[in-house]
Amino acid sequence: EGWRLAGLLEAEENNVPAQLGYVIECDR
């Protein structure tokens, strides 16, 4: 269908630690 972006990250901002994963589906 187009493009897929996927990522895994660890981040901390304003003393909020986070472990996040994302998947984004785009058209062409």
mmCIF file of all heavy atoms, coordinates in Angstrom:
data_MODEL
# 
_entry.id   MODEL 
# 
loop_
_atom_site.group_PDB 
_atom_site.id 
_atom_site.type_symbol 
_atom_site.label_atom_id 
_atom_site.label_alt_id 
_atom_site.label_comp_id 
_atom_site.label_asym_id 
_atom_site.label_entity_id 
_atom_site.label_seq_id 
_atom_site.pdbx_PDB_ins_code 
_atom_site.Cartn_x 
_atom_site.Cartn_y 
_atom_site.Cartn_z 
_atom_site.occupancy 
_atom_site.B_iso_or_equiv 
_atom_site.pdbx_formal_charge 
_atom_site.auth_seq_id 
_atom_site.auth_comp_id 
_atom_site.auth_asym_id 
_atom_site.auth_atom_id 
_atom_site.pdbx_PDB_model_num 
ATOM 1   N N   . GLU A 1 1  ? 0.812  -1.225 0.000  1.00 0.00 ? 1  GLU A N   1 
ATOM 2   C CA  . GLU A 1 1  ? 0.000  0.000  0.000  1.00 0.00 ? 1  GLU A CA  1 
ATOM 3   C C   . GLU A 1 1  ? 0.840  1.267  0.000  1.00 0.00 ? 1  GLU A C   1 
ATOM 4   O O   . GLU A 1 1  ? 0.331  2.342  -0.311 1.00 0.00 ? 1  GLU A O   1 
ATOM 5   C CB  . GLU A 1 1  ? -0.926 0.026  1.230  1.00 0.00 ? 1  GLU A CB  1 
ATOM 6   C CG  . GLU A 1 1  ? -2.023 -1.024 1.230  1.00 0.00 ? 1  GLU A CG  1 
ATOM 7   C CD  . GLU A 1 1  ? -1.492 -2.407 1.584  1.00 0.00 ? 1  GLU A CD  1 
ATOM 8   O OE1 . GLU A 1 1  ? -0.478 -2.486 2.319  1.00 0.00 ? 1  GLU A OE1 1 
ATOM 9   O OE2 . GLU A 1 1  ? -2.070 -3.406 1.115  1.00 0.00 ? 1  GLU A OE2 1 
ATOM 10  N N   . GLY A 1 2  ? 2.112  1.162  0.381  1.00 0.00 ? 2  GLY A N   1 
ATOM 11  C CA  . GLY A 1 2  ? 2.932  2.370  0.472  1.00 0.00 ? 2  GLY A CA  1 
ATOM 12  C C   . GLY A 1 2  ? 4.169  2.147  1.307  1.00 0.00 ? 2  GLY A C   1 
ATOM 13  O O   . GLY A 1 2  ? 5.107  1.487  0.873  1.00 0.00 ? 2  GLY A O   1 
ATOM 14  N N   . TRP A 1 3  ? 4.162  2.677  2.546  1.00 0.00 ? 3  TRP A N   1 
ATOM 15  C CA  . TRP A 1 3  ? 5.342  2.655  3.388  1.00 0.00 ? 3  TRP A CA  1 
ATOM 16  C C   . TRP A 1 3  ? 4.965  2.379  4.837  1.00 0.00 ? 3  TRP A C   1 
ATOM 17  O O   . TRP A 1 3  ? 3.910  2.801  5.305  1.00 0.00 ? 3  TRP A O   1 
ATOM 18  C CB  . TRP A 1 3  ? 6.079  3.994  3.298  1.00 0.00 ? 3  TRP A CB  1 
ATOM 19  C CG  . TRP A 1 3  ? 6.489  4.330  1.907  1.00 0.00 ? 3  TRP A CG  1 
ATOM 20  C CD1 . TRP A 1 3  ? 5.792  5.096  1.008  1.00 0.00 ? 3  TRP A CD1 1 
ATOM 21  C CD2 . TRP A 1 3  ? 7.659  3.875  1.224  1.00 0.00 ? 3  TRP A CD2 1 
ATOM 22  N NE1 . TRP A 1 3  ? 6.466  5.154  -0.184 1.00 0.00 ? 3  TRP A NE1 1 
ATOM 23  C CE2 . TRP A 1 3  ? 7.616  4.415  -0.076 1.00 0.00 ? 3  TRP A CE2 1 
ATOM 24  C CE3 . TRP A 1 3  ? 8.732  3.079  1.601  1.00 0.00 ? 3  TRP A CE3 1 
ATOM 25  C CZ2 . TRP A 1 3  ? 8.625  4.171  -1.013 1.00 0.00 ? 3  TRP A CZ2 1 
ATOM 26  C CZ3 . TRP A 1 3  ? 9.736  2.838  0.678  1.00 0.00 ? 3  TRP A CZ3 1 
ATOM 27  C CH2 . TRP A 1 3  ? 9.681  3.384  -0.614 1.00 0.00 ? 3  TRP A CH2 1 
ATOM 28  N N   . ARG A 1 4  ? 5.853  1.690  5.536  1.00 0.00 ? 4  ARG A N   1 
ATOM 29  C CA  . ARG A 1 4  ? 5.657  1.418  6.971  1.00 0.00 ? 4  ARG A CA  1 
ATOM 30  C C   . ARG A 1 4  ? 6.895  1.887  7.728  1.00 0.00 ? 4  ARG A C   1 
ATOM 31  O O   . ARG A 1 4  ? 8.017  1.520  7.396  1.00 0.00 ? 4  ARG A O   1 
ATOM 32  C CB  . ARG A 1 4  ? 5.431  -0.062 7.228  1.00 0.00 ? 4  ARG A CB  1 
ATOM 33  C CG  . ARG A 1 4  ? 5.302  -0.412 8.719  1.00 0.00 ? 4  ARG A CG  1 
ATOM 34  C CD  . ARG A 1 4  ? 5.109  -1.903 8.937  1.00 0.00 ? 4  ARG A CD  1 
ATOM 35  N NE  . ARG A 1 4  ? 3.861  -2.353 8.321  1.00 0.00 ? 4  ARG A NE  1 
ATOM 36  C CZ  . ARG A 1 4  ? 3.776  -3.349 7.432  1.00 0.00 ? 4  ARG A CZ  1 
ATOM 37  N NH1 . ARG A 1 4  ? 4.866  -3.995 7.040  1.00 0.00 ? 4  ARG A NH1 1 
ATOM 38  N NH2 . ARG A 1 4  ? 2.611  -3.700 6.928  1.00 0.00 ? 4  ARG A NH2 1 
ATOM 39  N N   . LEU A 1 5  ? 6.663  2.703  8.762  1.00 0.00 ? 5  LEU A N   1 
ATOM 40  C CA  . LEU A 1 5  ? 7.714  3.110  9.680  1.00 0.00 ? 5  LEU A CA  1 
ATOM 41  C C   . LEU A 1 5  ? 7.459  2.430  11.011 1.00 0.00 ? 5  LEU A C   1 
ATOM 42  O O   . LEU A 1 5  ? 6.322  2.444  11.506 1.00 0.00 ? 5  LEU A O   1 
ATOM 43  C CB  . LEU A 1 5  ? 7.717  4.630  9.902  1.00 0.00 ? 5  LEU A CB  1 
ATOM 44  C CG  . LEU A 1 5  ? 8.254  5.532  8.787  1.00 0.00 ? 5  LEU A CG  1 
ATOM 45  C CD1 . LEU A 1 5  ? 7.355  5.528  7.571  1.00 0.00 ? 5  LEU A CD1 1 
ATOM 46  C CD2 . LEU A 1 5  ? 8.427  6.955  9.322  1.00 0.00 ? 5  LEU A CD2 1 
ATOM 47  N N   . ALA A 1 6  ? 8.489  1.843  11.590 1.00 0.00 ? 6  ALA A N   1 
ATOM 48  C CA  . ALA A 1 6  ? 8.343  1.187  12.890 1.00 0.00 ? 6  ALA A CA  1 
ATOM 49  C C   . ALA A 1 6  ? 9.581  1.474  13.716 1.00 0.00 ? 6  ALA A C   1 
ATOM 50  O O   . ALA A 1 6  ? 10.705 1.467  13.192 1.00 0.00 ? 6  ALA A O   1 
ATOM 51  C CB  . ALA A 1 6  ? 8.150  -0.316 12.726 1.00 0.00 ? 6  ALA A CB  1 
ATOM 52  N N   . GLY A 1 7  ? 9.379  1.748  14.995 1.00 0.00 ? 7  GLY A N   1 
ATOM 53  C CA  . GLY A 1 7  ? 10.518 2.061  15.846 1.00 0.00 ? 7  GLY A CA  1 
ATOM 54  C C   . GLY A 1 7  ? 10.302 1.654  17.285 1.00 0.00 ? 7  GLY A C   1 
ATOM 55  O O   . GLY A 1 7  ? 9.160  1.496  17.740 1.00 0.00 ? 7  GLY A O   1 
ATOM 56  N N   . LEU A 1 8  ? 11.418 1.478  17.984 1.00 0.00 ? 8  LEU A N   1 
ATOM 57  C CA  . LEU A 1 8  ? 11.433 1.210  19.416 1.00 0.00 ? 8  LEU A CA  1 
ATOM 58  C C   . LEU A 1 8  ? 12.396 2.197  20.048 1.00 0.00 ? 8  LEU A C   1 
ATOM 59  O O   . LEU A 1 8  ? 13.507 2.406  19.530 1.00 0.00 ? 8  LEU A O   1 
ATOM 60  C CB  . LEU A 1 8  ? 11.903 -0.219 19.705 1.00 0.00 ? 8  LEU A CB  1 
ATOM 61  C CG  . LEU A 1 8  ? 10.981 -1.350 19.262 1.00 0.00 ? 8  LEU A CG  1 
ATOM 62  C CD1 . LEU A 1 8  ? 11.705 -2.696 19.414 1.00 0.00 ? 8  LEU A CD1 1 
ATOM 63  C CD2 . LEU A 1 8  ? 9.695  -1.354 20.086 1.00 0.00 ? 8  LEU A CD2 1 
ATOM 64  N N   . LEU A 1 9  ? 11.993 2.808  21.151 1.00 0.00 ? 9  LEU A N   1 
ATOM 65  C CA  . LEU A 1 9  ? 12.864 3.788  21.770 1.00 0.00 ? 9  LEU A CA  1 
ATOM 66  C C   . LEU A 1 9  ? 12.692 3.849  23.270 1.00 0.00 ? 9  LEU A C   1 
ATOM 67  O O   . LEU A 1 9  ? 11.655 3.458  23.820 1.00 0.00 ? 9  LEU A O   1 
ATOM 68  C CB  . LEU A 1 9  ? 12.617 5.179  21.182 1.00 0.00 ? 9  LEU A CB  1 
ATOM 69  C CG  . LEU A 1 9  ? 11.287 5.838  21.500 1.00 0.00 ? 9  LEU A CG  1 
ATOM 70  C CD1 . LEU A 1 9  ? 11.466 7.332  21.693 1.00 0.00 ? 9  LEU A CD1 1 
ATOM 71  C CD2 . LEU A 1 9  ? 10.307 5.593  20.351 1.00 0.00 ? 9  LEU A CD2 1 
ATOM 72  N N   . GLU A 1 10 ? 13.734 4.343  23.889 1.00 0.00 ? 10 GLU A N   1 
ATOM 73  C CA  . GLU A 1 10 ? 13.715 4.700  25.293 1.00 0.00 ? 10 GLU A CA  1 
ATOM 74  C C   . GLU A 1 10 ? 14.012 6.187  25.363 1.00 0.00 ? 10 GLU A C   1 
ATOM 75  O O   . GLU A 1 10 ? 14.939 6.666  24.716 1.00 0.00 ? 10 GLU A O   1 
ATOM 76  C CB  . GLU A 1 10 ? 14.759 3.908  26.072 1.00 0.00 ? 10 GLU A CB  1 
ATOM 77  C CG  . GLU A 1 10 ? 14.488 2.419  26.126 1.00 0.00 ? 10 GLU A CG  1 
ATOM 78  C CD  . GLU A 1 10 ? 15.504 1.686  26.988 1.00 0.00 ? 10 GLU A CD  1 
ATOM 79  O OE1 . GLU A 1 10 ? 16.417 2.357  27.523 1.00 0.00 ? 10 GLU A OE1 1 
ATOM 80  O OE2 . GLU A 1 10 ? 15.386 0.466  27.119 1.00 0.00 ? 10 GLU A OE2 1 
ATOM 81  N N   . ALA A 1 11 ? 13.200 6.899  26.130 1.00 0.00 ? 11 ALA A N   1 
ATOM 82  C CA  . ALA A 1 11 ? 13.371 8.343  26.221 1.00 0.00 ? 11 ALA A CA  1 
ATOM 83  C C   . ALA A 1 11 ? 12.966 8.817  27.604 1.00 0.00 ? 11 ALA A C   1 
ATOM 84  O O   . ALA A 1 11 ? 12.239 8.127  28.325 1.00 0.00 ? 11 ALA A O   1 
ATOM 85  C CB  . ALA A 1 11 ? 12.534 9.054  25.156 1.00 0.00 ? 11 ALA A CB  1 
ATOM 86  N N   . GLU A 1 12 ? 13.442 9.987  27.957 1.00 0.00 ? 12 GLU A N   1 
ATOM 87  C CA  . GLU A 1 12 ? 13.057 10.584 29.221 1.00 0.00 ? 12 GLU A CA  1 
ATOM 88  C C   . GLU A 1 12 ? 12.927 12.083 29.015 1.00 0.00 ? 12 GLU A C   1 
ATOM 89  O O   . GLU A 1 12 ? 13.804 12.718 28.429 1.00 0.00 ? 12 GLU A O   1 
ATOM 90  C CB  . GLU A 1 12 ? 14.090 10.298 30.316 1.00 0.00 ? 12 GLU A CB  1 
ATOM 91  C CG  . GLU A 1 12 ? 13.702 10.842 31.673 1.00 0.00 ? 12 GLU A CG  1 
ATOM 92  C CD  . GLU A 1 12 ? 14.665 10.408 32.768 1.00 0.00 ? 12 GLU A CD  1 
ATOM 93  O OE1 . GLU A 1 12 ? 15.224 9.310  32.653 1.00 0.00 ? 12 GLU A OE1 1 
ATOM 94  O OE2 . GLU A 1 12 ? 14.836 11.178 33.721 1.00 0.00 ? 12 GLU A OE2 1 
ATOM 95  N N   . GLU A 1 13 ? 11.817 12.647 29.456 1.00 0.00 ? 13 GLU A N   1 
ATOM 96  C CA  . GLU A 1 13 ? 11.600 14.079 29.317 1.00 0.00 ? 13 GLU A CA  1 
ATOM 97  C C   . GLU A 1 13 ? 10.730 14.535 30.476 1.00 0.00 ? 13 GLU A C   1 
ATOM 98  O O   . GLU A 1 13 ? 9.763  13.864 30.844 1.00 0.00 ? 13 GLU A O   1 
ATOM 99  C CB  . GLU A 1 13 ? 10.922 14.406 27.986 1.00 0.00 ? 13 GLU A CB  1 
ATOM 100 C CG  . GLU A 1 13 ? 11.062 15.858 27.596 1.00 0.00 ? 13 GLU A CG  1 
ATOM 101 C CD  . GLU A 1 13 ? 10.927 16.080 26.093 1.00 0.00 ? 13 GLU A CD  1 
ATOM 102 O OE1 . GLU A 1 13 ? 11.417 15.252 25.300 1.00 0.00 ? 13 GLU A OE1 1 
ATOM 103 O OE2 . GLU A 1 13 ? 10.328 17.090 25.725 1.00 0.00 ? 13 GLU A OE2 1 
ATOM 104 N N   . ASN A 1 14 ? 11.100 15.674 31.072 1.00 0.00 ? 14 ASN A N   1 
ATOM 105 C CA  . ASN A 1 14 ? 10.388 16.187 32.252 1.00 0.00 ? 14 ASN A CA  1 
ATOM 106 C C   . ASN A 1 14 ? 10.271 15.105 33.323 1.00 0.00 ? 14 ASN A C   1 
ATOM 107 O O   . ASN A 1 14 ? 9.234  14.949 33.965 1.00 0.00 ? 14 ASN A O   1 
ATOM 108 C CB  . ASN A 1 14 ? 8.999  16.709 31.873 1.00 0.00 ? 14 ASN A CB  1 
ATOM 109 C CG  . ASN A 1 14 ? 9.066  17.869 30.903 1.00 0.00 ? 14 ASN A CG  1 
ATOM 110 O OD1 . ASN A 1 14 ? 10.074 18.572 30.829 1.00 0.00 ? 14 ASN A OD1 1 
ATOM 111 N ND2 . ASN A 1 14 ? 8.006  18.075 30.150 1.00 0.00 ? 14 ASN A ND2 1 
ATOM 112 N N   . ASN A 1 15 ? 11.361 14.349 33.498 1.00 0.00 ? 15 ASN A N   1 
ATOM 113 C CA  . ASN A 1 15 ? 11.417 13.272 34.499 1.00 0.00 ? 15 ASN A CA  1 
ATOM 114 C C   . ASN A 1 15 ? 10.394 12.174 34.249 1.00 0.00 ? 15 ASN A C   1 
ATOM 115 O O   . ASN A 1 15 ? 9.992  11.474 35.174 1.00 0.00 ? 15 ASN A O   1 
ATOM 116 C CB  . ASN A 1 15 ? 11.242 13.845 35.913 1.00 0.00 ? 15 ASN A CB  1 
ATOM 117 C CG  . ASN A 1 15 ? 12.378 14.780 36.293 1.00 0.00 ? 15 ASN A CG  1 
ATOM 118 O OD1 . ASN A 1 15 ? 13.546 14.478 36.045 1.00 0.00 ? 15 ASN A OD1 1 
ATOM 119 N ND2 . ASN A 1 15 ? 12.038 15.922 36.864 1.00 0.00 ? 15 ASN A ND2 1 
ATOM 120 N N   . VAL A 1 16 ? 9.952  12.031 33.006 1.00 0.00 ? 16 VAL A N   1 
ATOM 121 C CA  . VAL A 1 16 ? 9.048  10.947 32.634 1.00 0.00 ? 16 VAL A CA  1 
ATOM 122 C C   . VAL A 1 16 ? 9.822  9.950  31.778 1.00 0.00 ? 16 VAL A C   1 
ATOM 123 O O   . VAL A 1 16 ? 10.079 10.207 30.598 1.00 0.00 ? 16 VAL A O   1 
ATOM 124 C CB  . VAL A 1 16 ? 7.819  11.471 31.858 1.00 0.00 ? 16 VAL A CB  1 
ATOM 125 C CG1 . VAL A 1 16 ? 6.934  10.315 31.414 1.00 0.00 ? 16 VAL A CG1 1 
ATOM 126 C CG2 . VAL A 1 16 ? 7.021  12.452 32.704 1.00 0.00 ? 16 VAL A CG2 1 
ATOM 127 N N   . PRO A 1 17 ? 10.239 8.814  32.348 1.00 0.00 ? 17 PRO A N   1 
ATOM 128 C CA  . PRO A 1 17 ? 10.903 7.793  31.539 1.00 0.00 ? 17 PRO A CA  1 
ATOM 129 C C   . PRO A 1 17 ? 9.868  7.001  30.746 1.00 0.00 ? 17 PRO A C   1 
ATOM 130 O O   . PRO A 1 17 ? 8.791  6.683  31.250 1.00 0.00 ? 17 PRO A O   1 
ATOM 131 C CB  . PRO A 1 17 ? 11.592 6.906  32.586 1.00 0.00 ? 17 PRO A CB  1 
ATOM 132 C CG  . PRO A 1 17 ? 10.753 7.052  33.810 1.00 0.00 ? 17 PRO A CG  1 
ATOM 133 C CD  . PRO A 1 17 ? 10.162 8.441  33.773 1.00 0.00 ? 17 PRO A CD  1 
ATOM 134 N N   . ALA A 1 18 ? 10.188 6.709  29.494 1.00 0.00 ? 18 ALA A N   1 
ATOM 135 C CA  . ALA A 1 18 ? 9.234  6.000  28.640 1.00 0.00 ? 18 ALA A CA  1 
ATOM 136 C C   . ALA A 1 18 ? 9.949  4.981  27.779 1.00 0.00 ? 18 ALA A C   1 
ATOM 137 O O   . ALA A 1 18 ? 11.092 5.195  27.347 1.00 0.00 ? 18 ALA A O   1 
ATOM 138 C CB  . ALA A 1 18 ? 8.469  6.990  27.752 1.00 0.00 ? 18 ALA A CB  1 
ATOM 139 N N   . GLN A 1 19 ? 9.280  3.864  27.566 1.00 0.00 ? 19 GLN A N   1 
ATOM 140 C CA  . GLN A 1 19 ? 9.695  2.853  26.587 1.00 0.00 ? 19 GLN A CA  1 
ATOM 141 C C   . GLN A 1 19 ? 8.535  2.719  25.613 1.00 0.00 ? 19 GLN A C   1 
ATOM 142 O O   . GLN A 1 19 ? 7.427  2.334  26.008 1.00 0.00 ? 19 GLN A O   1 
ATOM 143 C CB  . GLN A 1 19 ? 9.979  1.507  27.263 1.00 0.00 ? 19 GLN A CB  1 
ATOM 144 C CG  . GLN A 1 19 ? 11.167 1.523  28.220 1.00 0.00 ? 19 GLN A CG  1 
ATOM 145 C CD  . GLN A 1 19 ? 10.833 2.087  29.587 1.00 0.00 ? 19 GLN A CD  1 
ATOM 146 O OE1 . GLN A 1 19 ? 9.759  1.850  30.109 1.00 0.00 ? 19 GLN A OE1 1 
ATOM 147 N NE2 . GLN A 1 19 ? 11.744 2.868  30.151 1.00 0.00 ? 19 GLN A NE2 1 
ATOM 148 N N   . LEU A 1 20 ? 8.766  3.099  24.366 1.00 0.00 ? 20 LEU A N   1 
ATOM 149 C CA  . LEU A 1 20 ? 7.669  3.200  23.410 1.00 0.00 ? 20 LEU A CA  1 
ATOM 150 C C   . LEU A 1 20 ? 8.000  2.462  22.115 1.00 0.00 ? 20 LEU A C   1 
ATOM 151 O O   . LEU A 1 20 ? 9.160  2.389  21.699 1.00 0.00 ? 20 LEU A O   1 
ATOM 152 C CB  . LEU A 1 20 ? 7.376  4.668  23.084 1.00 0.00 ? 20 LEU A CB  1 
ATOM 153 C CG  . LEU A 1 20 ? 6.962  5.560  24.258 1.00 0.00 ? 20 LEU A CG  1 
ATOM 154 C CD1 . LEU A 1 20 ? 6.934  7.008  23.827 1.00 0.00 ? 20 LEU A CD1 1 
ATOM 155 C CD2 . LEU A 1 20 ? 5.610  5.131  24.806 1.00 0.00 ? 20 LEU A CD2 1 
ATOM 156 N N   . GLY A 1 21 ? 6.959  1.940  21.506 1.00 0.00 ? 21 GLY A N   1 
ATOM 157 C CA  . GLY A 1 21 ? 7.063  1.389  20.173 1.00 0.00 ? 21 GLY A CA  1 
ATOM 158 C C   . GLY A 1 21 ? 5.983  2.015  19.302 1.00 0.00 ? 21 GLY A C   1 
ATOM 159 O O   . GLY A 1 21 ? 4.919  2.395  19.799 1.00 0.00 ? 21 GLY A O   1 
ATOM 160 N N   . TYR A 1 22 ? 6.268  2.165  18.028 1.00 0.00 ? 22 TYR A N   1 
ATOM 161 C CA  . TYR A 1 22 ? 5.270  2.744  17.128 1.00 0.00 ? 22 TYR A CA  1 
ATOM 162 C C   . TYR A 1 22 ? 5.327  2.046  15.775 1.00 0.00 ? 22 TYR A C   1 
ATOM 163 O O   . TYR A 1 22 ? 6.357  1.508  15.371 1.00 0.00 ? 22 TYR A O   1 
ATOM 164 C CB  . TYR A 1 22 ? 5.478  4.255  16.947 1.00 0.00 ? 22 TYR A CB  1 
ATOM 165 C CG  . TYR A 1 22 ? 6.781  4.622  16.279 1.00 0.00 ? 22 TYR A CG  1 
ATOM 166 C CD1 . TYR A 1 22 ? 6.897  4.661  14.884 1.00 0.00 ? 22 TYR A CD1 1 
ATOM 167 C CD2 . TYR A 1 22 ? 7.910  4.928  17.034 1.00 0.00 ? 22 TYR A CD2 1 
ATOM 168 C CE1 . TYR A 1 22 ? 8.095  4.982  14.276 1.00 0.00 ? 22 TYR A CE1 1 
ATOM 169 C CE2 . TYR A 1 22 ? 9.112  5.243  16.433 1.00 0.00 ? 22 TYR A CE2 1 
ATOM 170 C CZ  . TYR A 1 22 ? 9.195  5.273  15.055 1.00 0.00 ? 22 TYR A CZ  1 
ATOM 171 O OH  . TYR A 1 22 ? 10.399 5.589  14.446 1.00 0.00 ? 22 TYR A OH  1 
ATOM 172 N N   . VAL A 1 23 ? 4.182  2.052  15.095 1.00 0.00 ? 23 VAL A N   1 
ATOM 173 C CA  . VAL A 1 23 ? 4.085  1.587  13.716 1.00 0.00 ? 23 VAL A CA  1 
ATOM 174 C C   . VAL A 1 23 ? 3.216  2.591  12.976 1.00 0.00 ? 23 VAL A C   1 
ATOM 175 O O   . VAL A 1 23 ? 2.112  2.929  13.436 1.00 0.00 ? 23 VAL A O   1 
ATOM 176 C CB  . VAL A 1 23 ? 3.468  0.182  13.618 1.00 0.00 ? 23 VAL A CB  1 
ATOM 177 C CG1 . VAL A 1 23 ? 3.340  -0.228 12.153 1.00 0.00 ? 23 VAL A CG1 1 
ATOM 178 C CG2 . VAL A 1 23 ? 4.290  -0.840 14.384 1.00 0.00 ? 23 VAL A CG2 1 
ATOM 179 N N   . ILE A 1 24 ? 3.702  3.079  11.852 1.00 0.00 ? 24 ILE A N   1 
ATOM 180 C CA  . ILE A 1 24 ? 2.957  4.046  11.034 1.00 0.00 ? 24 ILE A CA  1 
ATOM 181 C C   . ILE A 1 24 ? 2.824  3.478  9.633  1.00 0.00 ? 24 ILE A C   1 
ATOM 182 O O   . ILE A 1 24 ? 3.823  3.086  9.020  1.00 0.00 ? 24 ILE A O   1 
ATOM 183 C CB  . ILE A 1 24 ? 3.677  5.407  10.966 1.00 0.00 ? 24 ILE A CB  1 
ATOM 184 C CG1 . ILE A 1 24 ? 3.869  5.980  12.372 1.00 0.00 ? 24 ILE A CG1 1 
ATOM 185 C CG2 . ILE A 1 24 ? 2.894  6.389  10.093 1.00 0.00 ? 24 ILE A CG2 1 
ATOM 186 C CD1 . ILE A 1 24 ? 4.815  7.167  12.401 1.00 0.00 ? 24 ILE A CD1 1 
ATOM 187 N N   . GLU A 1 25 ? 1.598  3.437  9.139  1.00 0.00 ? 25 GLU A N   1 
ATOM 188 C CA  . GLU A 1 25 ? 1.335  2.994  7.769  1.00 0.00 ? 25 GLU A CA  1 
ATOM 189 C C   . GLU A 1 25 ? 0.996  4.219  6.922  1.00 0.00 ? 25 GLU A C   1 
ATOM 190 O O   . GLU A 1 25 ? 0.112  5.013  7.284  1.00 0.00 ? 25 GLU A O   1 
ATOM 191 C CB  . GLU A 1 25 ? 0.158  2.011  7.735  1.00 0.00 ? 25 GLU A CB  1 
ATOM 192 C CG  . GLU A 1 25 ? 0.335  0.783  8.606  1.00 0.00 ? 25 GLU A CG  1 
ATOM 193 C CD  . GLU A 1 25 ? 1.260  -0.265 7.999  1.00 0.00 ? 25 GLU A CD  1 
ATOM 194 O OE1 . GLU A 1 25 ? 1.686  -0.095 6.833  1.00 0.00 ? 25 GLU A OE1 1 
ATOM 195 O OE2 . GLU A 1 25 ? 1.548  -1.255 8.699  1.00 0.00 ? 25 GLU A OE2 1 
ATOM 196 N N   . CYS A 1 26 ? 1.703  4.378  5.805  1.00 0.00 ? 26 CYS A N   1 
ATOM 197 C CA  . CYS A 1 26 ? 1.477  5.495  4.893  1.00 0.00 ? 26 CYS A CA  1 
ATOM 198 C C   . CYS A 1 26 ? 1.097  4.975  3.513  1.00 0.00 ? 26 CYS A C   1 
ATOM 199 O O   . CYS A 1 26 ? 1.435  3.844  3.151  1.00 0.00 ? 26 CYS A O   1 
ATOM 200 C CB  . CYS A 1 26 ? 2.744  6.342  4.757  1.00 0.00 ? 26 CYS A CB  1 
ATOM 201 S SG  . CYS A 1 26 ? 3.309  7.088  6.281  1.00 0.00 ? 26 CYS A SG  1 
ATOM 202 N N   . ASP A 1 27 ? 0.424  5.825  2.738  1.00 0.00 ? 27 ASP A N   1 
ATOM 203 C CA  . ASP A 1 27 ? 0.161  5.451  1.356  1.00 0.00 ? 27 ASP A CA  1 
ATOM 204 C C   . ASP A 1 27 ? 1.401  5.747  0.512  1.00 0.00 ? 27 ASP A C   1 
ATOM 205 O O   . ASP A 1 27 ? 2.443  6.160  1.030  1.00 0.00 ? 27 ASP A O   1 
ATOM 206 C CB  . ASP A 1 27 ? -1.102 6.138  0.828  1.00 0.00 ? 27 ASP A CB  1 
ATOM 207 C CG  . ASP A 1 27 ? -0.985 7.665  0.765  1.00 0.00 ? 27 ASP A CG  1 
ATOM 208 O OD1 . ASP A 1 27 ? 0.152  8.204  0.784  1.00 0.00 ? 27 ASP A OD1 1 
ATOM 209 O OD2 . ASP A 1 27 ? -2.039 8.331  0.684  1.00 0.00 ? 27 ASP A OD2 1 
ATOM 210 N N   . ARG A 1 28 ? 1.298  5.548  -0.781 1.00 0.00 ? 28 ARG A N   1 
ATOM 211 C CA  . ARG A 1 28 ? 2.475  5.711  -1.644 1.00 0.00 ? 28 ARG A CA  1 
ATOM 212 C C   . ARG A 1 28 ? 2.974  7.146  -1.693 1.00 0.00 ? 28 ARG A C   1 
ATOM 213 O O   . ARG A 1 28 ? 4.139  7.389  -2.042 1.00 0.00 ? 28 ARG A O   1 
ATOM 214 C CB  . ARG A 1 28 ? 2.147  5.215  -3.063 1.00 0.00 ? 28 ARG A CB  1 
ATOM 215 C CG  . ARG A 1 28 ? 1.980  3.709  -3.164 1.00 0.00 ? 28 ARG A CG  1 
ATOM 216 C CD  . ARG A 1 28 ? 1.687  3.270  -4.593 1.00 0.00 ? 28 ARG A CD  1 
ATOM 217 N NE  . ARG A 1 28 ? 1.604  1.816  -4.713 1.00 0.00 ? 28 ARG A NE  1 
ATOM 218 C CZ  . ARG A 1 28 ? 0.503  1.120  -4.493 1.00 0.00 ? 28 ARG A CZ  1 
ATOM 219 N NH1 . ARG A 1 28 ? -0.624 1.748  -4.154 1.00 0.00 ? 28 ARG A NH1 1 
ATOM 220 N NH2 . ARG A 1 28 ? 0.504  -0.191 -4.612 1.00 0.00 ? 28 ARG A NH2 1 
# 
